[in-house]
């Protein structure tokens, strides 16, 4: 009986998955996205765009990096319309339908032409024929393709997935099994 309970507990913890939330500061230090590029994203990860300063947007574009034209191939290519509300945050979730490389820019005034654009690459795309961050054009106002994002780990159970229920269920099973042993 104890072995069965231990097996149930291990299965529950094996399904307890973590997702990564990558922060991107919008307008920090001027007309920039900080960091400008994020690589090795996985399905289930998210990018949290947070407005720090100024009026900006997050708009998806088609290839290559630095293209300042709204995408015609991606439905709902406006992640966030222009806003200047400091503290506004928008979560962009990486799903199985997310393209291997996502290009984005600020469509306010001439911000994109001044270097306010960025690239998100899924893990499988990082080693493909897409241009590497070092070959992408550099932002003239400080954005750097080599700037790493500092991910924040969050539990997928917090997003209402079934793994949290499995852990709670396993704990209850162990509790009641302890009463009978």
N, C-alpha and C. Protein backbone atom coordinates (compact mmCIF):
# COMPACT_ATOMS: atom_id res chain seq x y z
N UNK A 1 0.82 -1.19 0.00
CA UNK A 1 0.00 0.00 0.00
C UNK A 1 0.87 1.27 0.00
N UNK A 2 1.93 1.24 0.80
CA UNK A 2 2.82 2.40 0.89
C UNK A 2 3.51 2.64 -0.45
N UNK A 3 3.87 1.55 -1.15
CA UNK A 3 4.51 1.70 -2.46
C UNK A 3 3.56 2.34 -3.47
N UNK A 4 2.30 1.96 -3.41
CA UNK A 4 1.31 2.54 -4.31
C UNK A 4 1.17 4.04 -4.05
N UNK A 5 1.12 4.41 -2.78
CA UNK A 5 1.01 5.83 -2.45
C UNK A 5 2.24 6.60 -2.88
N UNK A 6 3.41 6.02 -2.70
CA UNK A 6 4.64 6.67 -3.13
C UNK A 6 4.65 6.85 -4.65
N UNK A 7 4.20 5.84 -5.38
CA UNK A 7 4.13 5.94 -6.84
C UNK A 7 3.17 7.05 -7.26
N UNK A 8 2.01 7.13 -6.60
CA UNK A 8 1.05 8.19 -6.92
C UNK A 8 1.64 9.57 -6.66
N UNK A 9 2.36 9.70 -5.57
CA UNK A 9 2.98 10.98 -5.24
C UNK A 9 4.03 11.37 -6.27
N UNK A 10 4.86 10.40 -6.69
CA UNK A 10 5.88 10.69 -7.69
C UNK A 10 5.26 11.08 -9.03
N UNK A 11 4.20 10.40 -9.43
CA UNK A 11 3.52 10.75 -10.68
C UNK A 11 2.95 12.16 -10.58
N UNK A 12 2.40 12.50 -9.46
CA UNK A 12 1.83 13.84 -9.28
C UNK A 12 2.89 14.91 -9.41
N UNK A 13 4.04 14.70 -8.76
CA UNK A 13 5.10 15.70 -8.85
C UNK A 13 5.73 15.74 -10.24
N UNK A 14 5.73 14.63 -10.95
CA UNK A 14 6.27 14.61 -12.31
C UNK A 14 5.40 15.44 -13.24
N UNK A 15 4.11 15.53 -12.97
CA UNK A 15 3.24 16.32 -13.83
C UNK A 15 3.19 17.78 -13.41
N UNK A 16 3.81 18.13 -12.31
CA UNK A 16 3.83 19.50 -11.82
C UNK A 16 4.89 20.25 -12.63
N UNK A 17 4.48 20.89 -13.69
CA UNK A 17 5.40 21.53 -14.62
C UNK A 17 5.56 23.01 -14.30
N UNK A 18 6.70 23.53 -14.70
CA UNK A 18 6.97 24.95 -14.53
C UNK A 18 7.00 25.62 -15.90
N UNK A 19 6.50 26.82 -15.93
CA UNK A 19 6.62 27.65 -17.13
C UNK A 19 7.50 28.82 -16.77
N UNK A 20 8.04 29.45 -17.77
CA UNK A 20 8.92 30.59 -17.55
C UNK A 20 8.25 31.84 -18.10
N UNK A 21 8.28 32.90 -17.32
CA UNK A 21 7.77 34.19 -17.75
C UNK A 21 8.98 35.11 -17.94
N UNK A 22 9.16 35.59 -19.16
CA UNK A 22 10.28 36.47 -19.49
C UNK A 22 9.79 37.91 -19.50
N UNK A 23 10.35 38.77 -18.65
CA UNK A 23 9.93 40.18 -18.64
C UNK A 23 10.60 40.98 -19.76
N UNK A 24 9.83 41.86 -20.39
CA UNK A 24 10.36 42.82 -21.36
C UNK A 24 9.87 44.19 -20.93
N UNK A 25 10.80 45.09 -20.65
CA UNK A 25 10.46 46.45 -20.25
C UNK A 25 10.27 47.30 -21.50
N UNK A 26 9.12 47.93 -21.62
CA UNK A 26 8.77 48.74 -22.79
C UNK A 26 9.05 50.20 -22.46
N UNK A 27 9.99 50.80 -23.18
CA UNK A 27 10.32 52.21 -22.99
C UNK A 27 11.34 52.47 -21.91
N UNK A 28 11.96 51.44 -21.37
CA UNK A 28 12.99 51.65 -20.35
C UNK A 28 14.23 52.25 -21.00
N UNK A 29 14.64 53.42 -20.56
CA UNK A 29 15.81 54.07 -21.13
C UNK A 29 15.55 54.72 -22.48
N UNK A 30 14.29 54.96 -22.82
CA UNK A 30 13.97 55.60 -24.10
C UNK A 30 13.08 54.71 -24.95
N UNK A 31 13.28 54.80 -26.26
CA UNK A 31 12.49 54.01 -27.20
C UNK A 31 13.14 52.65 -27.41
N UNK A 32 13.00 51.80 -26.41
CA UNK A 32 13.63 50.47 -26.45
C UNK A 32 12.71 49.42 -25.85
N UNK A 33 12.96 48.17 -26.24
CA UNK A 33 12.44 47.00 -25.56
C UNK A 33 13.65 46.39 -24.86
N UNK A 34 13.54 46.14 -23.56
CA UNK A 34 14.67 45.61 -22.81
C UNK A 34 14.26 44.32 -22.11
N UNK A 35 14.83 43.18 -22.52
CA UNK A 35 15.80 42.98 -23.59
C UNK A 35 15.13 43.04 -24.95
N UNK A 36 15.97 43.19 -25.96
CA UNK A 36 15.44 43.32 -27.32
C UNK A 36 15.11 41.95 -27.92
N UNK A 37 15.87 40.93 -27.57
CA UNK A 37 15.67 39.60 -28.13
C UNK A 37 15.65 38.56 -27.02
N UNK A 38 14.78 37.58 -27.19
CA UNK A 38 14.72 36.45 -26.25
C UNK A 38 14.75 35.18 -27.09
N UNK A 39 15.63 34.26 -26.72
CA UNK A 39 15.74 32.99 -27.45
C UNK A 39 15.41 31.83 -26.52
N UNK A 40 15.26 30.66 -27.10
CA UNK A 40 15.01 29.42 -26.38
C UNK A 40 13.68 29.39 -25.64
N UNK A 41 12.68 30.09 -26.15
CA UNK A 41 11.33 30.02 -25.56
C UNK A 41 10.74 28.65 -25.85
N UNK A 42 9.91 28.19 -24.94
CA UNK A 42 9.25 26.90 -25.11
C UNK A 42 7.74 27.10 -25.07
N UNK A 43 7.01 26.16 -25.66
CA UNK A 43 5.56 26.20 -25.58
C UNK A 43 5.18 26.18 -24.10
N UNK A 44 4.32 27.07 -23.70
CA UNK A 44 3.93 27.21 -22.29
C UNK A 44 4.59 28.40 -21.62
N UNK A 45 5.72 28.88 -22.17
CA UNK A 45 6.37 30.08 -21.64
C UNK A 45 5.55 31.31 -22.02
N UNK A 46 5.86 32.43 -21.39
CA UNK A 46 5.18 33.69 -21.67
C UNK A 46 6.20 34.82 -21.68
N UNK A 47 5.86 35.87 -22.41
CA UNK A 47 6.65 37.10 -22.39
C UNK A 47 5.74 38.18 -21.82
N UNK A 48 6.19 38.83 -20.75
CA UNK A 48 5.41 39.86 -20.08
C UNK A 48 5.94 41.23 -20.46
N UNK A 49 5.23 41.92 -21.35
CA UNK A 49 5.60 43.27 -21.77
C UNK A 49 5.04 44.25 -20.74
N UNK A 50 5.92 45.05 -20.11
CA UNK A 50 5.49 46.01 -19.09
C UNK A 50 5.95 47.41 -19.50
N UNK A 51 4.99 48.34 -19.56
CA UNK A 51 5.28 49.72 -19.95
C UNK A 51 5.95 50.43 -18.79
N UNK A 52 7.16 50.98 -19.06
CA UNK A 52 7.95 51.66 -18.05
C UNK A 52 7.90 53.18 -18.27
N UNK A 53 7.90 53.60 -19.54
CA UNK A 53 7.97 55.02 -19.83
C UNK A 53 7.52 55.28 -21.27
N UNK A 54 6.84 56.39 -21.50
CA UNK A 54 6.50 56.83 -22.84
C UNK A 54 5.30 56.12 -23.46
N UNK A 55 4.89 56.60 -24.63
CA UNK A 55 3.79 55.99 -25.38
C UNK A 55 4.38 55.02 -26.40
N UNK A 56 3.97 53.75 -26.29
CA UNK A 56 4.51 52.70 -27.15
C UNK A 56 3.43 51.68 -27.46
N UNK A 57 3.73 50.82 -28.44
CA UNK A 57 2.88 49.69 -28.75
C UNK A 57 3.74 48.45 -28.88
N UNK A 58 3.10 47.31 -28.90
CA UNK A 58 3.78 46.06 -29.24
C UNK A 58 2.96 45.47 -30.39
N UNK A 59 3.58 45.48 -31.56
CA UNK A 59 2.90 45.06 -32.78
C UNK A 59 3.76 44.01 -33.48
N UNK A 60 3.14 42.91 -33.91
CA UNK A 60 3.88 41.86 -34.61
C UNK A 60 4.12 42.27 -36.05
N UNK A 61 5.28 41.86 -36.58
CA UNK A 61 5.62 42.15 -37.97
C UNK A 61 6.07 40.85 -38.64
N UNK A 62 6.25 40.92 -39.95
CA UNK A 62 6.81 39.79 -40.69
C UNK A 62 8.32 39.98 -40.75
N UNK A 63 9.04 38.93 -41.14
CA UNK A 63 10.50 38.96 -41.19
C UNK A 63 10.99 40.06 -42.12
N UNK A 64 12.21 40.51 -41.95
CA UNK A 64 13.19 40.21 -40.92
C UNK A 64 13.07 41.15 -39.73
N UNK A 65 13.98 40.95 -38.77
CA UNK A 65 14.01 41.82 -37.60
C UNK A 65 14.17 43.26 -38.03
N UNK A 66 13.44 44.16 -37.39
CA UNK A 66 13.51 45.56 -37.72
C UNK A 66 12.55 46.00 -38.81
N UNK A 67 11.72 45.05 -39.31
CA UNK A 67 10.69 45.42 -40.29
C UNK A 67 9.62 46.18 -39.54
N UNK A 68 9.31 47.36 -40.00
CA UNK A 68 8.40 48.24 -39.28
C UNK A 68 7.01 48.28 -39.90
N UNK A 69 6.53 47.13 -40.37
CA UNK A 69 5.22 47.02 -40.99
C UNK A 69 4.45 45.93 -40.26
N UNK A 70 3.21 46.25 -39.87
CA UNK A 70 2.38 45.29 -39.15
C UNK A 70 2.18 44.04 -39.98
N UNK A 71 2.26 42.88 -39.34
CA UNK A 71 2.14 41.60 -40.02
C UNK A 71 0.79 41.45 -40.71
N UNK A 72 0.84 40.91 -41.91
CA UNK A 72 -0.39 40.58 -42.63
C UNK A 72 -0.67 39.08 -42.54
N UNK A 73 0.31 38.32 -42.08
CA UNK A 73 0.16 36.86 -42.02
C UNK A 73 -0.27 36.36 -40.65
N UNK A 74 -0.18 37.18 -39.63
CA UNK A 74 -0.54 36.76 -38.28
C UNK A 74 -1.82 37.46 -37.86
N UNK A 75 -2.84 36.66 -37.57
CA UNK A 75 -4.10 37.24 -37.11
C UNK A 75 -3.89 37.83 -35.72
N UNK A 76 -4.55 38.93 -35.41
CA UNK A 76 -4.41 39.63 -34.13
C UNK A 76 -2.96 40.02 -33.88
N UNK A 77 -2.34 40.68 -34.86
CA UNK A 77 -0.92 41.00 -34.75
C UNK A 77 -0.64 42.20 -33.86
N UNK A 78 -1.66 42.84 -33.33
CA UNK A 78 -1.46 43.93 -32.38
C UNK A 78 -1.55 43.33 -30.98
N UNK A 79 -0.40 43.13 -30.33
CA UNK A 79 -0.39 42.60 -28.97
C UNK A 79 -0.96 43.64 -28.03
N UNK A 80 -0.53 44.89 -28.19
CA UNK A 80 -1.03 45.98 -27.37
C UNK A 80 -1.00 47.26 -28.18
N UNK A 81 -2.15 47.92 -28.28
CA UNK A 81 -2.23 49.21 -28.97
C UNK A 81 -1.42 50.24 -28.17
N UNK A 82 -1.12 51.37 -28.78
CA UNK A 82 -0.32 52.38 -28.08
C UNK A 82 -0.91 52.76 -26.72
N UNK A 83 -0.05 52.81 -25.74
CA UNK A 83 -0.44 53.23 -24.40
C UNK A 83 0.72 53.95 -23.74
N UNK A 84 0.41 54.87 -22.87
CA UNK A 84 1.46 55.52 -22.08
C UNK A 84 1.18 55.36 -20.59
N UNK A 85 0.40 54.34 -20.26
CA UNK A 85 0.08 54.08 -18.86
C UNK A 85 1.20 53.23 -18.26
N UNK A 86 2.03 53.88 -17.45
CA UNK A 86 3.13 53.18 -16.80
C UNK A 86 2.57 52.08 -15.91
N UNK A 87 3.15 50.90 -16.01
CA UNK A 87 2.70 49.76 -15.22
C UNK A 87 1.78 48.83 -15.98
N UNK A 88 1.30 49.27 -17.16
CA UNK A 88 0.47 48.38 -17.97
C UNK A 88 1.30 47.16 -18.35
N UNK A 89 0.73 45.98 -18.21
CA UNK A 89 1.43 44.75 -18.58
C UNK A 89 0.55 43.92 -19.50
N UNK A 90 1.18 43.30 -20.48
CA UNK A 90 0.50 42.41 -21.40
C UNK A 90 1.30 41.12 -21.48
N UNK A 91 0.63 40.01 -21.29
CA UNK A 91 1.27 38.70 -21.33
C UNK A 91 1.07 38.10 -22.71
N UNK A 92 2.17 37.75 -23.39
CA UNK A 92 2.13 37.08 -24.68
C UNK A 92 2.52 35.64 -24.43
N UNK A 93 1.56 34.72 -24.61
CA UNK A 93 1.78 33.30 -24.32
C UNK A 93 2.31 32.57 -25.55
N UNK A 94 3.30 31.71 -25.32
CA UNK A 94 3.85 30.89 -26.38
C UNK A 94 3.03 29.60 -26.43
N UNK A 95 2.36 29.37 -27.55
CA UNK A 95 1.51 28.20 -27.72
C UNK A 95 2.06 27.33 -28.86
N UNK A 96 1.43 26.20 -29.08
CA UNK A 96 1.86 25.32 -30.16
C UNK A 96 1.66 25.96 -31.53
N UNK A 97 0.80 26.97 -31.62
CA UNK A 97 0.59 27.64 -32.91
C UNK A 97 1.46 28.89 -33.08
N UNK A 98 2.29 29.22 -32.10
CA UNK A 98 3.19 30.37 -32.22
C UNK A 98 4.27 30.04 -33.25
N UNK A 99 4.52 30.95 -34.21
CA UNK A 99 5.58 30.69 -35.20
C UNK A 99 6.93 30.53 -34.51
N UNK A 100 7.89 29.84 -35.15
CA UNK A 100 9.21 29.62 -34.54
C UNK A 100 9.95 30.91 -34.20
N UNK A 101 9.71 31.96 -34.99
CA UNK A 101 10.31 33.26 -34.73
C UNK A 101 9.21 34.31 -34.79
N UNK A 102 9.16 35.18 -33.78
CA UNK A 102 8.16 36.25 -33.72
C UNK A 102 8.91 37.57 -33.72
N UNK A 103 8.62 38.41 -34.70
CA UNK A 103 9.21 39.74 -34.78
C UNK A 103 8.17 40.75 -34.30
N UNK A 104 8.60 41.73 -33.54
CA UNK A 104 7.66 42.75 -33.05
C UNK A 104 8.34 44.11 -33.05
N UNK A 105 7.52 45.16 -32.97
CA UNK A 105 8.06 46.52 -33.02
C UNK A 105 7.06 47.48 -32.38
N UNK A 106 7.50 48.72 -32.17
CA UNK A 106 6.62 49.79 -31.69
C UNK A 106 6.22 50.60 -32.92
N UNK A 107 4.90 50.73 -33.11
CA UNK A 107 4.41 51.44 -34.30
C UNK A 107 4.12 52.92 -34.03
N UNK A 108 4.48 53.42 -32.87
CA UNK A 108 4.26 54.84 -32.54
C UNK A 108 5.34 55.67 -33.23
N UNK A 109 4.89 56.71 -33.95
CA UNK A 109 5.78 57.65 -34.65
C UNK A 109 6.89 56.91 -35.39
N UNK A 110 8.12 57.27 -35.16
CA UNK A 110 9.26 56.64 -35.84
C UNK A 110 10.07 55.76 -34.88
N UNK A 111 9.43 55.23 -33.83
CA UNK A 111 10.16 54.45 -32.84
C UNK A 111 10.84 53.22 -33.45
N UNK A 112 10.11 52.50 -34.30
CA UNK A 112 10.70 51.30 -34.92
C UNK A 112 11.91 51.66 -35.78
N UNK A 113 11.76 52.69 -36.60
CA UNK A 113 12.87 53.10 -37.46
C UNK A 113 14.07 53.53 -36.63
N UNK A 114 13.83 53.95 -35.39
CA UNK A 114 14.91 54.32 -34.48
C UNK A 114 15.47 53.13 -33.72
N UNK A 115 14.93 51.93 -33.96
CA UNK A 115 15.49 50.72 -33.35
C UNK A 115 14.60 50.06 -32.32
N UNK A 116 13.35 50.51 -32.15
CA UNK A 116 12.48 49.90 -31.14
C UNK A 116 11.74 48.71 -31.75
N UNK A 117 12.41 47.58 -31.78
CA UNK A 117 11.87 46.33 -32.29
C UNK A 117 12.54 45.19 -31.53
N UNK A 118 12.00 44.00 -31.66
CA UNK A 118 12.59 42.86 -30.96
C UNK A 118 12.23 41.55 -31.64
N UNK A 119 12.87 40.48 -31.15
CA UNK A 119 12.69 39.15 -31.71
C UNK A 119 12.50 38.14 -30.59
N UNK A 120 11.52 37.26 -30.76
CA UNK A 120 11.31 36.13 -29.86
C UNK A 120 11.54 34.86 -30.67
N UNK A 121 12.37 33.96 -30.17
CA UNK A 121 12.63 32.71 -30.89
C UNK A 121 12.31 31.53 -30.00
N UNK A 122 11.55 30.60 -30.56
CA UNK A 122 11.28 29.36 -29.86
C UNK A 122 12.53 28.50 -29.87
N UNK A 123 12.64 27.63 -28.90
CA UNK A 123 13.83 26.79 -28.72
C UNK A 123 14.25 26.10 -30.01
N UNK A 124 13.33 25.50 -30.73
CA UNK A 124 13.68 24.78 -31.95
C UNK A 124 14.17 25.72 -33.05
N UNK A 125 13.76 26.99 -33.01
CA UNK A 125 14.16 27.95 -34.03
C UNK A 125 15.52 28.56 -33.74
N UNK A 126 16.01 28.45 -32.51
CA UNK A 126 17.26 29.10 -32.13
C UNK A 126 18.45 28.55 -32.89
N UNK A 127 18.37 27.29 -33.29
CA UNK A 127 19.49 26.68 -34.00
C UNK A 127 19.16 26.45 -35.48
N UNK A 128 18.14 27.12 -35.99
CA UNK A 128 17.72 26.90 -37.37
C UNK A 128 18.35 27.94 -38.28
N UNK A 129 17.78 28.07 -39.48
CA UNK A 129 18.35 28.98 -40.47
C UNK A 129 17.94 30.43 -40.24
N UNK A 130 17.12 30.71 -39.23
CA UNK A 130 16.77 32.10 -38.93
C UNK A 130 18.01 32.85 -38.50
N UNK A 131 18.08 34.14 -38.76
CA UNK A 131 19.28 34.87 -38.36
C UNK A 131 19.48 34.83 -36.86
N UNK A 132 20.74 34.65 -36.46
CA UNK A 132 21.04 34.64 -35.04
C UNK A 132 20.95 36.06 -34.51
N UNK A 133 20.77 36.21 -33.19
CA UNK A 133 20.69 37.56 -32.64
C UNK A 133 21.91 38.41 -32.97
N UNK A 134 23.09 37.80 -33.09
CA UNK A 134 24.28 38.59 -33.37
C UNK A 134 24.29 39.11 -34.80
N UNK A 135 23.53 38.46 -35.72
CA UNK A 135 23.49 38.96 -37.09
C UNK A 135 22.34 39.91 -37.34
N UNK A 136 21.45 40.04 -36.35
CA UNK A 136 20.33 40.98 -36.49
C UNK A 136 20.87 42.39 -36.33
N UNK A 137 20.23 43.35 -36.98
CA UNK A 137 20.71 44.73 -36.84
C UNK A 137 20.63 45.21 -35.40
N UNK A 138 21.57 46.04 -35.02
CA UNK A 138 21.60 46.58 -33.67
C UNK A 138 20.73 47.82 -33.59
N UNK A 139 20.14 48.00 -32.43
CA UNK A 139 19.33 49.19 -32.21
C UNK A 139 20.25 50.38 -31.97
N UNK A 140 20.04 51.49 -32.67
CA UNK A 140 20.92 52.64 -32.49
C UNK A 140 20.74 53.33 -31.14
N UNK A 141 19.68 53.02 -30.41
CA UNK A 141 19.46 53.72 -29.14
C UNK A 141 19.60 52.79 -27.95
N UNK A 142 20.50 51.83 -28.04
CA UNK A 142 20.85 51.06 -26.87
C UNK A 142 20.32 49.65 -26.81
N UNK A 143 19.35 49.27 -27.60
CA UNK A 143 18.85 47.90 -27.57
C UNK A 143 19.94 46.97 -28.04
N UNK A 144 20.11 45.88 -27.37
CA UNK A 144 21.16 44.95 -27.75
C UNK A 144 20.59 43.56 -27.87
N UNK A 145 20.96 42.88 -28.95
CA UNK A 145 20.44 41.54 -29.16
C UNK A 145 21.07 40.54 -28.20
N UNK A 146 22.17 40.90 -27.55
CA UNK A 146 22.81 39.96 -26.66
C UNK A 146 22.36 40.13 -25.21
N UNK A 147 21.45 41.03 -24.95
CA UNK A 147 20.96 41.26 -23.60
C UNK A 147 20.06 40.10 -23.17
N UNK A 148 20.44 39.36 -22.13
CA UNK A 148 19.59 38.23 -21.73
C UNK A 148 18.38 38.69 -20.93
N UNK A 149 17.30 37.93 -21.07
CA UNK A 149 16.12 38.18 -20.25
C UNK A 149 16.29 37.41 -18.96
N UNK A 150 15.79 37.95 -17.87
CA UNK A 150 15.82 37.24 -16.62
C UNK A 150 14.45 36.62 -16.41
N UNK A 151 14.38 35.30 -16.62
CA UNK A 151 13.07 34.65 -16.52
C UNK A 151 12.59 34.55 -15.09
N UNK A 152 11.28 34.50 -14.95
CA UNK A 152 10.66 34.27 -13.66
C UNK A 152 9.94 32.94 -13.74
N UNK A 153 10.22 32.02 -12.81
CA UNK A 153 9.56 30.73 -12.82
C UNK A 153 8.20 30.85 -12.16
N UNK A 154 7.21 30.29 -12.81
CA UNK A 154 5.88 30.25 -12.24
C UNK A 154 5.32 28.86 -12.44
N UNK A 155 4.51 28.45 -11.54
CA UNK A 155 3.92 27.13 -11.61
C UNK A 155 2.76 27.12 -12.58
N UNK A 156 2.70 26.09 -13.42
CA UNK A 156 1.56 25.97 -14.32
C UNK A 156 0.30 25.64 -13.54
N UNK A 157 0.46 25.13 -12.32
CA UNK A 157 -0.71 24.86 -11.48
C UNK A 157 -1.42 26.17 -11.15
N UNK A 158 -0.66 27.26 -11.08
CA UNK A 158 -1.28 28.56 -10.83
C UNK A 158 -2.14 29.00 -12.00
N UNK A 159 -1.96 28.42 -13.15
CA UNK A 159 -2.76 28.75 -14.32
C UNK A 159 -3.96 27.83 -14.43
N UNK A 160 -4.26 27.10 -13.41
CA UNK A 160 -5.47 26.29 -13.40
C UNK A 160 -5.32 24.94 -14.08
N UNK A 161 -4.10 24.51 -14.32
CA UNK A 161 -3.93 23.22 -14.97
C UNK A 161 -4.16 22.10 -13.97
N UNK A 162 -4.32 20.92 -14.48
CA UNK A 162 -4.71 19.77 -13.67
C UNK A 162 -3.61 19.31 -12.72
N UNK A 163 -2.35 19.69 -12.96
CA UNK A 163 -1.27 19.20 -12.11
C UNK A 163 -1.45 19.62 -10.65
N UNK A 164 -1.97 20.80 -10.40
CA UNK A 164 -2.21 21.22 -9.02
C UNK A 164 -3.23 20.33 -8.35
N UNK A 165 -4.27 19.95 -9.08
CA UNK A 165 -5.28 19.05 -8.54
C UNK A 165 -4.69 17.68 -8.24
N UNK A 166 -3.77 17.23 -9.09
CA UNK A 166 -3.14 15.93 -8.84
C UNK A 166 -2.30 15.95 -7.57
N UNK A 167 -1.61 17.04 -7.33
CA UNK A 167 -0.78 17.14 -6.13
C UNK A 167 -1.67 17.15 -4.88
N UNK A 168 -2.73 17.93 -4.93
CA UNK A 168 -3.65 17.99 -3.79
C UNK A 168 -4.27 16.61 -3.56
N UNK A 169 -4.68 15.98 -4.66
CA UNK A 169 -5.27 14.64 -4.56
C UNK A 169 -4.29 13.64 -3.98
N UNK A 170 -3.04 13.71 -4.38
CA UNK A 170 -2.03 12.81 -3.85
C UNK A 170 -1.82 13.04 -2.36
N UNK A 171 -1.81 14.30 -1.97
CA UNK A 171 -1.65 14.61 -0.54
C UNK A 171 -2.80 14.06 0.28
N UNK A 172 -4.02 14.20 -0.23
CA UNK A 172 -5.19 13.65 0.46
C UNK A 172 -5.12 12.13 0.54
N UNK A 173 -4.69 11.50 -0.54
CA UNK A 173 -4.56 10.03 -0.53
C UNK A 173 -3.56 9.59 0.54
N UNK A 174 -2.42 10.30 0.60
CA UNK A 174 -1.42 9.93 1.60
C UNK A 174 -1.95 10.16 3.01
N UNK A 175 -2.69 11.23 3.21
CA UNK A 175 -3.25 11.51 4.53
C UNK A 175 -4.19 10.38 4.97
N UNK A 176 -5.15 10.03 4.09
CA UNK A 176 -6.10 8.98 4.44
C UNK A 176 -5.44 7.61 4.54
N UNK A 177 -4.42 7.37 3.72
CA UNK A 177 -3.71 6.09 3.83
C UNK A 177 -2.99 6.00 5.15
N UNK A 178 -2.47 7.12 5.62
CA UNK A 178 -1.80 7.14 6.92
C UNK A 178 -2.74 6.83 8.06
N UNK A 179 -3.99 7.18 7.92
CA UNK A 179 -4.98 6.88 8.95
C UNK A 179 -5.24 5.37 9.07
N UNK A 180 -5.09 4.65 7.94
CA UNK A 180 -5.39 3.23 7.92
C UNK A 180 -4.17 2.36 8.12
N UNK A 181 -3.00 2.91 8.12
CA UNK A 181 -1.77 2.10 8.29
C UNK A 181 -1.36 1.97 9.73
